[in-house]
Amino acid sequence: SCRWLGNATGPVEGARFRGTNRHGLLRW
């Protein structure tokens, strides 16, 4: 999953988002 951070709601330069990843049982 990914979610926008702060006031970001879409793709503009400087916008930040958090990505959640998984490989097997490992998550980060």
mmCIF file of all heavy atoms, coordinates in Angstrom:
data_MODEL
# 
_entry.id   MODEL 
# 
loop_
_atom_site.group_PDB 
_atom_site.id 
_atom_site.type_symbol 
_atom_site.label_atom_id 
_atom_site.label_alt_id 
_atom_site.label_comp_id 
_atom_site.label_asym_id 
_atom_site.label_entity_id 
_atom_site.label_seq_id 
_atom_site.pdbx_PDB_ins_code 
_atom_site.Cartn_x 
_atom_site.Cartn_y 
_atom_site.Cartn_z 
_atom_site.occupancy 
_atom_site.B_iso_or_equiv 
_atom_site.pdbx_formal_charge 
_atom_site.auth_seq_id 
_atom_site.auth_comp_id 
_atom_site.auth_asym_id 
_atom_site.auth_atom_id 
_atom_site.pdbx_PDB_model_num 
ATOM 1   N N   . SER A 1 1  ? 0.848  -1.192  0.000   1.00 0.00 ? 1  SER A N   1 
ATOM 2   C CA  . SER A 1 1  ? 0.000  0.000   0.000   1.00 0.00 ? 1  SER A CA  1 
ATOM 3   C C   . SER A 1 1  ? 0.882  1.240   0.000   1.00 0.00 ? 1  SER A C   1 
ATOM 4   O O   . SER A 1 1  ? 2.049  1.187   0.360   1.00 0.00 ? 1  SER A O   1 
ATOM 5   C CB  . SER A 1 1  ? -0.931 0.019   1.218   1.00 0.00 ? 1  SER A CB  1 
ATOM 6   O OG  . SER A 1 1  ? -0.169 0.152   2.406   1.00 0.00 ? 1  SER A OG  1 
ATOM 7   N N   . CYS A 1 2  ? 0.275  2.350   -0.416  1.00 0.00 ? 2  CYS A N   1 
ATOM 8   C CA  . CYS A 1 2  ? 0.918  3.660   -0.345  1.00 0.00 ? 2  CYS A CA  1 
ATOM 9   C C   . CYS A 1 2  ? -0.147 4.657   0.093   1.00 0.00 ? 2  CYS A C   1 
ATOM 10  O O   . CYS A 1 2  ? -1.318 4.517   -0.272  1.00 0.00 ? 2  CYS A O   1 
ATOM 11  C CB  . CYS A 1 2  ? 1.475  4.099   -1.700  1.00 0.00 ? 2  CYS A CB  1 
ATOM 12  S SG  . CYS A 1 2  ? 2.834  3.102   -2.316  1.00 0.00 ? 2  CYS A SG  1 
ATOM 13  N N   . ARG A 1 3  ? 0.290  5.649   0.866   1.00 0.00 ? 3  ARG A N   1 
ATOM 14  C CA  . ARG A 1 3  ? -0.647 6.708   1.252   1.00 0.00 ? 3  ARG A CA  1 
ATOM 15  C C   . ARG A 1 3  ? 0.110  8.032   1.259   1.00 0.00 ? 3  ARG A C   1 
ATOM 16  O O   . ARG A 1 3  ? 1.283  8.102   1.606   1.00 0.00 ? 3  ARG A O   1 
ATOM 17  C CB  . ARG A 1 3  ? -1.291 6.429   2.593   1.00 0.00 ? 3  ARG A CB  1 
ATOM 18  C CG  . ARG A 1 3  ? -0.364 6.445   3.771   1.00 0.00 ? 3  ARG A CG  1 
ATOM 19  C CD  . ARG A 1 3  ? -1.095 6.181   5.096   1.00 0.00 ? 3  ARG A CD  1 
ATOM 20  N NE  . ARG A 1 3  ? -0.155 6.040   6.185   1.00 0.00 ? 3  ARG A NE  1 
ATOM 21  C CZ  . ARG A 1 3  ? 0.379  7.044   6.861   1.00 0.00 ? 3  ARG A CZ  1 
ATOM 22  N NH1 . ARG A 1 3  ? 0.067  8.291   6.550   1.00 0.00 ? 3  ARG A NH1 1 
ATOM 23  N NH2 . ARG A 1 3  ? 1.227  6.834   7.835   1.00 0.00 ? 3  ARG A NH2 1 
ATOM 24  N N   . TRP A 1 4  ? -0.618 9.054   0.801   1.00 0.00 ? 4  TRP A N   1 
ATOM 25  C CA  . TRP A 1 4  ? -0.035 10.391  0.759   1.00 0.00 ? 4  TRP A CA  1 
ATOM 26  C C   . TRP A 1 4  ? 0.180  10.897  2.179   1.00 0.00 ? 4  TRP A C   1 
ATOM 27  O O   . TRP A 1 4  ? -0.611 10.602  3.080   1.00 0.00 ? 4  TRP A O   1 
ATOM 28  C CB  . TRP A 1 4  ? -0.938 11.342  -0.021  1.00 0.00 ? 4  TRP A CB  1 
ATOM 29  C CG  . TRP A 1 4  ? -1.044 10.990  -1.472  1.00 0.00 ? 4  TRP A CG  1 
ATOM 30  C CD1 . TRP A 1 4  ? -2.114 10.448  -2.116  1.00 0.00 ? 4  TRP A CD1 1 
ATOM 31  C CD2 . TRP A 1 4  ? -0.018 11.149  -2.459  1.00 0.00 ? 4  TRP A CD2 1 
ATOM 32  N NE1 . TRP A 1 4  ? -1.825 10.253  -3.450  1.00 0.00 ? 4  TRP A NE1 1 
ATOM 33  C CE2 . TRP A 1 4  ? -0.545 10.668  -3.685  1.00 0.00 ? 4  TRP A CE2 1 
ATOM 34  C CE3 . TRP A 1 4  ? 1.276  11.633  -2.443  1.00 0.00 ? 4  TRP A CE3 1 
ATOM 35  C CZ2 . TRP A 1 4  ? 0.180  10.671  -4.866  1.00 0.00 ? 4  TRP A CZ2 1 
ATOM 36  C CZ3 . TRP A 1 4  ? 2.012  11.634  -3.622  1.00 0.00 ? 4  TRP A CZ3 1 
ATOM 37  C CH2 . TRP A 1 4  ? 1.470  11.162  -4.814  1.00 0.00 ? 4  TRP A CH2 1 
ATOM 38  N N   . LEU A 1 5  ? 1.240  11.677  2.376   1.00 0.00 ? 5  LEU A N   1 
ATOM 39  C CA  . LEU A 1 5  ? 1.568  12.237  3.692   1.00 0.00 ? 5  LEU A CA  1 
ATOM 40  C C   . LEU A 1 5  ? 1.313  13.735  3.715   1.00 0.00 ? 5  LEU A C   1 
ATOM 41  O O   . LEU A 1 5  ? 1.355  14.396  2.680   1.00 0.00 ? 5  LEU A O   1 
ATOM 42  C CB  . LEU A 1 5  ? 3.042  11.963  4.020   1.00 0.00 ? 5  LEU A CB  1 
ATOM 43  C CG  . LEU A 1 5  ? 3.451  10.495  4.128   1.00 0.00 ? 5  LEU A CG  1 
ATOM 44  C CD1 . LEU A 1 5  ? 4.959  10.381  4.323   1.00 0.00 ? 5  LEU A CD1 1 
ATOM 45  C CD2 . LEU A 1 5  ? 2.706  9.813   5.274   1.00 0.00 ? 5  LEU A CD2 1 
ATOM 46  N N   . GLY A 1 6  ? 1.097  14.250  4.908   1.00 0.00 ? 6  GLY A N   1 
ATOM 47  C CA  . GLY A 1 6  ? 0.876  15.689  5.068   1.00 0.00 ? 6  GLY A CA  1 
ATOM 48  C C   . GLY A 1 6  ? -0.363 16.125  4.325   1.00 0.00 ? 6  GLY A C   1 
ATOM 49  O O   . GLY A 1 6  ? -1.396 15.469  4.374   1.00 0.00 ? 6  GLY A O   1 
ATOM 50  N N   . ASN A 1 7  ? -0.252 17.230  3.616   1.00 0.00 ? 7  ASN A N   1 
ATOM 51  C CA  . ASN A 1 7  ? -1.381 17.763  2.855   1.00 0.00 ? 7  ASN A CA  1 
ATOM 52  C C   . ASN A 1 7  ? -1.431 17.243  1.425   1.00 0.00 ? 7  ASN A C   1 
ATOM 53  O O   . ASN A 1 7  ? -2.277 17.671  0.646   1.00 0.00 ? 7  ASN A O   1 
ATOM 54  C CB  . ASN A 1 7  ? -1.313 19.299  2.825   1.00 0.00 ? 7  ASN A CB  1 
ATOM 55  C CG  . ASN A 1 7  ? -1.505 19.884  4.207   1.00 0.00 ? 7  ASN A CG  1 
ATOM 56  O OD1 . ASN A 1 7  ? -2.239 19.331  5.016   1.00 0.00 ? 7  ASN A OD1 1 
ATOM 57  N ND2 . ASN A 1 7  ? -0.825 20.995  4.473   1.00 0.00 ? 7  ASN A ND2 1 
ATOM 58  N N   . ALA A 1 8  ? -0.523 16.335  1.073   1.00 0.00 ? 8  ALA A N   1 
ATOM 59  C CA  . ALA A 1 8  ? -0.476 15.827  -0.298  1.00 0.00 ? 8  ALA A CA  1 
ATOM 60  C C   . ALA A 1 8  ? -1.704 14.969  -0.595  1.00 0.00 ? 8  ALA A C   1 
ATOM 61  O O   . ALA A 1 8  ? -2.133 14.177  0.239   1.00 0.00 ? 8  ALA A O   1 
ATOM 62  C CB  . ALA A 1 8  ? 0.784  15.002  -0.512  1.00 0.00 ? 8  ALA A CB  1 
ATOM 63  N N   . THR A 1 9  ? -2.264 15.171  -1.773  1.00 0.00 ? 9  THR A N   1 
ATOM 64  C CA  . THR A 1 9  ? -3.425 14.382  -2.209  1.00 0.00 ? 9  THR A CA  1 
ATOM 65  C C   . THR A 1 9  ? -3.234 13.806  -3.601  1.00 0.00 ? 9  THR A C   1 
ATOM 66  O O   . THR A 1 9  ? -4.113 13.127  -4.108  1.00 0.00 ? 9  THR A O   1 
ATOM 67  C CB  . THR A 1 9  ? -4.704 15.242  -2.206  1.00 0.00 ? 9  THR A CB  1 
ATOM 68  O OG1 . THR A 1 9  ? -4.504 16.349  -3.080  1.00 0.00 ? 9  THR A OG1 1 
ATOM 69  C CG2 . THR A 1 9  ? -5.047 15.731  -0.804  1.00 0.00 ? 9  THR A CG2 1 
ATOM 70  N N   . GLY A 1 10 ? -2.096 14.097  -4.211  1.00 0.00 ? 10 GLY A N   1 
ATOM 71  C CA  . GLY A 1 10 ? -1.855 13.615  -5.561  1.00 0.00 ? 10 GLY A CA  1 
ATOM 72  C C   . GLY A 1 10 ? -0.437 13.892  -6.000  1.00 0.00 ? 10 GLY A C   1 
ATOM 73  O O   . GLY A 1 10 ? 0.361  14.461  -5.250  1.00 0.00 ? 10 GLY A O   1 
ATOM 74  N N   . PRO A 1 11 ? -0.125 13.495  -7.228  1.00 0.00 ? 11 PRO A N   1 
ATOM 75  C CA  . PRO A 1 11 ? 1.243  13.557  -7.728  1.00 0.00 ? 11 PRO A CA  1 
ATOM 76  C C   . PRO A 1 11 ? 1.683  14.954  -8.164  1.00 0.00 ? 11 PRO A C   1 
ATOM 77  O O   . PRO A 1 11 ? 1.351  15.405  -9.255  1.00 0.00 ? 11 PRO A O   1 
ATOM 78  C CB  . PRO A 1 11 ? 1.214  12.602  -8.914  1.00 0.00 ? 11 PRO A CB  1 
ATOM 79  C CG  . PRO A 1 11 ? -0.193 12.681  -9.412  1.00 0.00 ? 11 PRO A CG  1 
ATOM 80  C CD  . PRO A 1 11 ? -1.036 12.887  -8.191  1.00 0.00 ? 11 PRO A CD  1 
ATOM 81  N N   . VAL A 1 12 ? 2.404  15.625  -7.297  1.00 0.00 ? 12 VAL A N   1 
ATOM 82  C CA  . VAL A 1 12 ? 3.060  16.889  -7.642  1.00 0.00 ? 12 VAL A CA  1 
ATOM 83  C C   . VAL A 1 12 ? 4.482  16.800  -7.098  1.00 0.00 ? 12 VAL A C   1 
ATOM 84  O O   . VAL A 1 12 ? 4.728  16.114  -6.100  1.00 0.00 ? 12 VAL A O   1 
ATOM 85  C CB  . VAL A 1 12 ? 2.339  18.130  -7.058  1.00 0.00 ? 12 VAL A CB  1 
ATOM 86  C CG1 . VAL A 1 12 ? 0.951  18.294  -7.654  1.00 0.00 ? 12 VAL A CG1 1 
ATOM 87  C CG2 . VAL A 1 12 ? 2.278  18.079  -5.559  1.00 0.00 ? 12 VAL A CG2 1 
ATOM 88  N N   . GLU A 1 13 ? 5.393  17.460  -7.776  1.00 0.00 ? 13 GLU A N   1 
ATOM 89  C CA  . GLU A 1 13 ? 6.779  17.438  -7.309  1.00 0.00 ? 13 GLU A CA  1 
ATOM 90  C C   . GLU A 1 13 ? 6.844  17.942  -5.878  1.00 0.00 ? 13 GLU A C   1 
ATOM 91  O O   . GLU A 1 13 ? 6.232  18.943  -5.532  1.00 0.00 ? 13 GLU A O   1 
ATOM 92  C CB  . GLU A 1 13 ? 7.664  18.261  -8.233  1.00 0.00 ? 13 GLU A CB  1 
ATOM 93  C CG  . GLU A 1 13 ? 7.847  17.573  -9.573  1.00 0.00 ? 13 GLU A CG  1 
ATOM 94  C CD  . GLU A 1 13 ? 8.802  18.294  -10.498 1.00 0.00 ? 13 GLU A CD  1 
ATOM 95  O OE1 . GLU A 1 13 ? 9.666  19.059  -10.011 1.00 0.00 ? 13 GLU A OE1 1 
ATOM 96  O OE2 . GLU A 1 13 ? 8.698  18.089  -11.711 1.00 0.00 ? 13 GLU A OE2 1 
ATOM 97  N N   . GLY A 1 14 ? 7.573  17.196  -5.038  1.00 0.00 ? 14 GLY A N   1 
ATOM 98  C CA  . GLY A 1 14 ? 7.720  17.535  -3.629  1.00 0.00 ? 14 GLY A CA  1 
ATOM 99  C C   . GLY A 1 14 ? 6.728  16.824  -2.718  1.00 0.00 ? 14 GLY A C   1 
ATOM 100 O O   . GLY A 1 14 ? 6.938  16.771  -1.509  1.00 0.00 ? 14 GLY A O   1 
ATOM 101 N N   . ALA A 1 15 ? 5.642  16.285  -3.273  1.00 0.00 ? 15 ALA A N   1 
ATOM 102 C CA  . ALA A 1 15 ? 4.671  15.551  -2.451  1.00 0.00 ? 15 ALA A CA  1 
ATOM 103 C C   . ALA A 1 15 ? 5.348  14.302  -1.901  1.00 0.00 ? 15 ALA A C   1 
ATOM 104 O O   . ALA A 1 15 ? 6.212  13.701  -2.533  1.00 0.00 ? 15 ALA A O   1 
ATOM 105 C CB  . ALA A 1 15 ? 3.450  15.175  -3.284  1.00 0.00 ? 15 ALA A CB  1 
ATOM 106 N N   . ARG A 1 16 ? 4.926  13.923  -0.689  1.00 0.00 ? 16 ARG A N   1 
ATOM 107 C CA  . ARG A 1 16 ? 5.512  12.749  -0.057  1.00 0.00 ? 16 ARG A CA  1 
ATOM 108 C C   . ARG A 1 16 ? 4.443  11.695  0.201   1.00 0.00 ? 16 ARG A C   1 
ATOM 109 O O   . ARG A 1 16 ? 3.285  12.028  0.422   1.00 0.00 ? 16 ARG A O   1 
ATOM 110 C CB  . ARG A 1 16 ? 6.188  13.147  1.254   1.00 0.00 ? 16 ARG A CB  1 
ATOM 111 C CG  . ARG A 1 16 ? 7.388  14.050  1.022   1.00 0.00 ? 16 ARG A CG  1 
ATOM 112 C CD  . ARG A 1 16 ? 8.040  14.608  2.290   1.00 0.00 ? 16 ARG A CD  1 
ATOM 113 N NE  . ARG A 1 16 ? 7.538  14.134  3.544   1.00 0.00 ? 16 ARG A NE  1 
ATOM 114 C CZ  . ARG A 1 16 ? 8.251  13.434  4.434   1.00 0.00 ? 16 ARG A CZ  1 
ATOM 115 N NH1 . ARG A 1 16 ? 9.500  13.117  4.172   1.00 0.00 ? 16 ARG A NH1 1 
ATOM 116 N NH2 . ARG A 1 16 ? 7.727  13.066  5.574   1.00 0.00 ? 16 ARG A NH2 1 
ATOM 117 N N   . PHE A 1 17 ? 4.869  10.446  0.159   1.00 0.00 ? 17 PHE A N   1 
ATOM 118 C CA  . PHE A 1 17 ? 3.970  9.351   0.499   1.00 0.00 ? 17 PHE A CA  1 
ATOM 119 C C   . PHE A 1 17 ? 4.740  8.239   1.198   1.00 0.00 ? 17 PHE A C   1 
ATOM 120 O O   . PHE A 1 17 ? 5.958  8.160   1.113   1.00 0.00 ? 17 PHE A O   1 
ATOM 121 C CB  . PHE A 1 17 ? 3.224  8.818   -0.731  1.00 0.00 ? 17 PHE A CB  1 
ATOM 122 C CG  . PHE A 1 17 ? 4.073  8.238   -1.832  1.00 0.00 ? 17 PHE A CG  1 
ATOM 123 C CD1 . PHE A 1 17 ? 4.322  6.877   -1.901  1.00 0.00 ? 17 PHE A CD1 1 
ATOM 124 C CD2 . PHE A 1 17 ? 4.596  9.046   -2.835  1.00 0.00 ? 17 PHE A CD2 1 
ATOM 125 C CE1 . PHE A 1 17 ? 5.075  6.326   -2.924  1.00 0.00 ? 17 PHE A CE1 1 
ATOM 126 C CE2 . PHE A 1 17 ? 5.353  8.506   -3.873  1.00 0.00 ? 17 PHE A CE2 1 
ATOM 127 C CZ  . PHE A 1 17 ? 5.601  7.141   -3.911  1.00 0.00 ? 17 PHE A CZ  1 
ATOM 128 N N   . ARG A 1 18 ? 4.014  7.433   1.941   1.00 0.00 ? 18 ARG A N   1 
ATOM 129 C CA  . ARG A 1 18 ? 4.603  6.291   2.635   1.00 0.00 ? 18 ARG A CA  1 
ATOM 130 C C   . ARG A 1 18 ? 4.228  5.032   1.878   1.00 0.00 ? 18 ARG A C   1 
ATOM 131 O O   . ARG A 1 18 ? 3.063  4.806   1.561   1.00 0.00 ? 18 ARG A O   1 
ATOM 132 C CB  . ARG A 1 18 ? 4.111  6.190   4.062   1.00 0.00 ? 18 ARG A CB  1 
ATOM 133 C CG  . ARG A 1 18 ? 4.597  4.921   4.737   1.00 0.00 ? 18 ARG A CG  1 
ATOM 134 C CD  . ARG A 1 18 ? 4.893  4.928   6.206   1.00 0.00 ? 18 ARG A CD  1 
ATOM 135 N NE  . ARG A 1 18 ? 5.013  6.163   6.910   1.00 0.00 ? 18 ARG A NE  1 
ATOM 136 C CZ  . ARG A 1 18 ? 6.154  6.864   7.079   1.00 0.00 ? 18 ARG A CZ  1 
ATOM 137 N NH1 . ARG A 1 18 ? 7.275  6.442   6.546   1.00 0.00 ? 18 ARG A NH1 1 
ATOM 138 N NH2 . ARG A 1 18 ? 6.167  7.970   7.774   1.00 0.00 ? 18 ARG A NH2 1 
ATOM 139 N N   . GLY A 1 19 ? 5.236  4.210   1.601   1.00 0.00 ? 19 GLY A N   1 
ATOM 140 C CA  . GLY A 1 19 ? 5.010  2.927   0.945   1.00 0.00 ? 19 GLY A CA  1 
ATOM 141 C C   . GLY A 1 19 ? 5.229  1.802   1.941   1.00 0.00 ? 19 GLY A C   1 
ATOM 142 O O   . GLY A 1 19 ? 6.207  1.810   2.680   1.00 0.00 ? 19 GLY A O   1 
ATOM 143 N N   . THR A 1 20 ? 4.308  0.867   1.986   1.00 0.00 ? 20 THR A N   1 
ATOM 144 C CA  . THR A 1 20 ? 4.433  -0.304  2.841   1.00 0.00 ? 20 THR A CA  1 
ATOM 145 C C   . THR A 1 20 ? 4.675  -1.506  1.950   1.00 0.00 ? 20 THR A C   1 
ATOM 146 O O   . THR A 1 20 ? 3.928  -1.734  0.990   1.00 0.00 ? 20 THR A O   1 
ATOM 147 C CB  . THR A 1 20 ? 3.158  -0.499  3.688   1.00 0.00 ? 20 THR A CB  1 
ATOM 148 O OG1 . THR A 1 20 ? 2.957  0.685   4.459   1.00 0.00 ? 20 THR A OG1 1 
ATOM 149 C CG2 . THR A 1 20 ? 3.281  -1.695  4.608   1.00 0.00 ? 20 THR A CG2 1 
ATOM 150 N N   . ASN A 1 21 ? 5.715  -2.255  2.254   1.00 0.00 ? 21 ASN A N   1 
ATOM 151 C CA  . ASN A 1 21 ? 6.156  -3.356  1.409   1.00 0.00 ? 21 ASN A CA  1 
ATOM 152 C C   . ASN A 1 21 ? 6.166  -4.667  2.181   1.00 0.00 ? 21 ASN A C   1 
ATOM 153 O O   . ASN A 1 21 ? 6.267  -4.683  3.406   1.00 0.00 ? 21 ASN A O   1 
ATOM 154 C CB  . ASN A 1 21 ? 7.567  -3.071  0.885   1.00 0.00 ? 21 ASN A CB  1 
ATOM 155 C CG  . ASN A 1 21 ? 7.631  -1.754  0.160   1.00 0.00 ? 21 ASN A CG  1 
ATOM 156 O OD1 . ASN A 1 21 ? 7.042  -1.605  -0.894  1.00 0.00 ? 21 ASN A OD1 1 
ATOM 157 N ND2 . ASN A 1 21 ? 8.319  -0.781  0.734   1.00 0.00 ? 21 ASN A ND2 1 
ATOM 158 N N   . ARG A 1 22 ? 6.116  -5.749  1.398   1.00 0.00 ? 22 ARG A N   1 
ATOM 159 C CA  . ARG A 1 22 ? 6.156  -7.072  2.005   1.00 0.00 ? 22 ARG A CA  1 
ATOM 160 C C   . ARG A 1 22 ? 6.860  -8.035  1.070   1.00 0.00 ? 22 ARG A C   1 
ATOM 161 O O   . ARG A 1 22 ? 6.622  -8.040  -0.141  1.00 0.00 ? 22 ARG A O   1 
ATOM 162 C CB  . ARG A 1 22 ? 4.740  -7.569  2.275   1.00 0.00 ? 22 ARG A CB  1 
ATOM 163 C CG  . ARG A 1 22 ? 4.708  -8.936  2.897   1.00 0.00 ? 22 ARG A CG  1 
ATOM 164 C CD  . ARG A 1 22 ? 3.299  -9.358  3.194   1.00 0.00 ? 22 ARG A CD  1 
ATOM 165 N NE  . ARG A 1 22 ? 3.314  -10.721 3.695   1.00 0.00 ? 22 ARG A NE  1 
ATOM 166 C CZ  . ARG A 1 22 ? 2.238  -11.422 3.931   1.00 0.00 ? 22 ARG A CZ  1 
ATOM 167 N NH1 . ARG A 1 22 ? 1.046  -10.903 3.739   1.00 0.00 ? 22 ARG A NH1 1 
ATOM 168 N NH2 . ARG A 1 22 ? 2.330  -12.642 4.381   1.00 0.00 ? 22 ARG A NH2 1 
ATOM 169 N N   . HIS A 1 23 ? 7.716  -8.858  1.653   1.00 0.00 ? 23 HIS A N   1 
ATOM 170 C CA  . HIS A 1 23 ? 8.365  -9.955  0.944   1.00 0.00 ? 23 HIS A CA  1 
ATOM 171 C C   . HIS A 1 23 ? 8.302  -11.154 1.880   1.00 0.00 ? 23 HIS A C   1 
ATOM 172 O O   . HIS A 1 23 ? 8.943  -11.166 2.928   1.00 0.00 ? 23 HIS A O   1 
ATOM 173 C CB  . HIS A 1 23 ? 9.808  -9.607  0.587   1.00 0.00 ? 23 HIS A CB  1 
ATOM 174 C CG  . HIS A 1 23 ? 10.527 -10.716 -0.115  1.00 0.00 ? 23 HIS A CG  1 
ATOM 175 N ND1 . HIS A 1 23 ? 10.227 -11.099 -1.400  1.00 0.00 ? 23 HIS A ND1 1 
ATOM 176 C CD2 . HIS A 1 23 ? 11.518 -11.532 0.293   1.00 0.00 ? 23 HIS A CD2 1 
ATOM 177 C CE1 . HIS A 1 23 ? 11.008 -12.094 -1.745  1.00 0.00 ? 23 HIS A CE1 1 
ATOM 178 N NE2 . HIS A 1 23 ? 11.802 -12.378 -0.731  1.00 0.00 ? 23 HIS A NE2 1 
ATOM 179 N N   . GLY A 1 24 ? 7.492  -12.128 1.511   1.00 0.00 ? 24 GLY A N   1 
ATOM 180 C CA  . GLY A 1 24 ? 7.282  -13.265 2.410   1.00 0.00 ? 24 GLY A CA  1 
ATOM 181 C C   . GLY A 1 24 ? 6.643  -12.781 3.699   1.00 0.00 ? 24 GLY A C   1 
ATOM 182 O O   . GLY A 1 24 ? 5.641  -12.064 3.674   1.00 0.00 ? 24 GLY A O   1 
ATOM 183 N N   . LEU A 1 25 ? 7.239  -13.112 4.814   1.00 0.00 ? 25 LEU A N   1 
ATOM 184 C CA  . LEU A 1 25 ? 6.713  -12.683 6.120   1.00 0.00 ? 25 LEU A CA  1 
ATOM 185 C C   . LEU A 1 25 ? 7.266  -11.328 6.558   1.00 0.00 ? 25 LEU A C   1 
ATOM 186 O O   . LEU A 1 25 ? 6.804  -10.774 7.551   1.00 0.00 ? 25 LEU A O   1 
ATOM 187 C CB  . LEU A 1 25 ? 7.034  -13.733 7.187   1.00 0.00 ? 25 LEU A CB  1 
ATOM 188 C CG  . LEU A 1 25 ? 6.397  -15.104 6.975   1.00 0.00 ? 25 LEU A CG  1 
ATOM 189 C CD1 . LEU A 1 25 ? 6.877  -16.089 8.034   1.00 0.00 ? 25 LEU A CD1 1 
ATOM 190 C CD2 . LEU A 1 25 ? 4.877  -15.000 6.990   1.00 0.00 ? 25 LEU A CD2 1 
ATOM 191 N N   . LEU A 1 26 ? 8.255  -10.823 5.839   1.00 0.00 ? 26 LEU A N   1 
ATOM 192 C CA  . LEU A 1 26 ? 8.910  -9.567  6.223   1.00 0.00 ? 26 LEU A CA  1 
ATOM 193 C C   . LEU A 1 26 ? 8.145  -8.363  5.688   1.00 0.00 ? 26 LEU A C   1 
ATOM 194 O O   . LEU A 1 26 ? 7.676  -8.369  4.551   1.00 0.00 ? 26 LEU A O   1 
ATOM 195 C CB  . LEU A 1 26 ? 10.347 -9.552  5.712   1.00 0.00 ? 26 LEU A CB  1 
ATOM 196 C CG  . LEU A 1 26 ? 11.219 -10.699 6.245   1.00 0.00 ? 26 LEU A CG  1 
ATOM 197 C CD1 . LEU A 1 26 ? 12.562 -10.704 5.542   1.00 0.00 ? 26 LEU A CD1 1 
ATOM 198 C CD2 . LEU A 1 26 ? 11.402 -10.588 7.747   1.00 0.00 ? 26 LEU A CD2 1 
ATOM 199 N N   . ARG A 1 27 ? 8.053  -7.329  6.522   1.00 0.00 ? 27 ARG A N   1 
ATOM 200 C CA  . ARG A 1 27 ? 7.364  -6.091  6.148   1.00 0.00 ? 27 ARG A CA  1 
ATOM 201 C C   . ARG A 1 27 ? 8.217  -4.895  6.548   1.00 0.00 ? 27 ARG A C   1 
ATOM 202 O O   . ARG A 1 27 ? 8.894  -4.928  7.565   1.00 0.00 ? 27 ARG A O   1 
ATOM 203 C CB  . ARG A 1 27 ? 6.017  -5.987  6.868   1.00 0.00 ? 27 ARG A CB  1 
ATOM 204 C CG  . ARG A 1 27 ? 5.044  -7.057  6.508   1.00 0.00 ? 27 ARG A CG  1 
ATOM 205 C CD  . ARG A 1 27 ? 3.832  -6.997  7.451   1.00 0.00 ? 27 ARG A CD  1 
ATOM 206 N NE  . ARG A 1 27 ? 3.007  -8.165  7.284   1.00 0.00 ? 27 ARG A NE  1 
ATOM 207 C CZ  . ARG A 1 27 ? 1.842  -8.164  6.648   1.00 0.00 ? 27 ARG A CZ  1 
ATOM 208 N NH1 . ARG A 1 27 ? 1.372  -7.064  6.127   1.00 0.00 ? 27 ARG A NH1 1 
ATOM 209 N NH2 . ARG A 1 27 ? 1.151  -9.279  6.535   1.00 0.00 ? 27 ARG A NH2 1 
ATOM 210 N N   . TRP A 1 28 ? 8.125  -3.827  5.744   1.00 0.00 ? 28 TRP A N   1 
ATOM 211 C CA  . TRP A 1 28 ? 8.830  -2.587  6.056   1.00 0.00 ? 28 TRP A CA  1 
ATOM 212 C C   . TRP A 1 28 ? 8.154  -1.442  5.320   1.00 0.00 ? 28 TRP A C   1 
ATOM 213 O O   . TRP A 1 28 ? 7.415  -1.641  4.373   1.00 0.00 ? 28 TRP A O   1 
ATOM 214 C CB  . TRP A 1 28 ? 10.314 -2.691  5.693   1.00 0.00 ? 28 TRP A CB  1 
ATOM 215 C CG  . TRP A 1 28 ? 10.581 -2.821  4.233   1.00 0.00 ? 28 TRP A CG  1 
ATOM 216 C CD1 . TRP A 1 28 ? 10.903 -1.812  3.364   1.00 0.00 ? 28 TRP A CD1 1 
ATOM 217 C CD2 . TRP A 1 28 ? 10.524 -4.019  3.439   1.00 0.00 ? 28 TRP A CD2 1 
ATOM 218 N NE1 . TRP A 1 28 ? 11.044 -2.302  2.084   1.00 0.00 ? 28 TRP A NE1 1 
ATOM 219 C CE2 . TRP A 1 28 ? 10.820 -3.663  2.104   1.00 0.00 ? 28 TRP A CE2 1 
ATOM 220 C CE3 . TRP A 1 28 ? 10.242 -5.348  3.726   1.00 0.00 ? 28 TRP A CE3 1 
ATOM 221 C CZ2 . TRP A 1 28 ? 10.851 -4.584  1.073   1.00 0.00 ? 28 TRP A CZ2 1 
ATOM 222 C CZ3 . TRP A 1 28 ? 10.282 -6.267  2.694   1.00 0.00 ? 28 TRP A CZ3 1 
ATOM 223 C CH2 . TRP A 1 28 ? 10.578 -5.889  1.390   1.00 0.00 ? 28 TRP A CH2 1 
# 
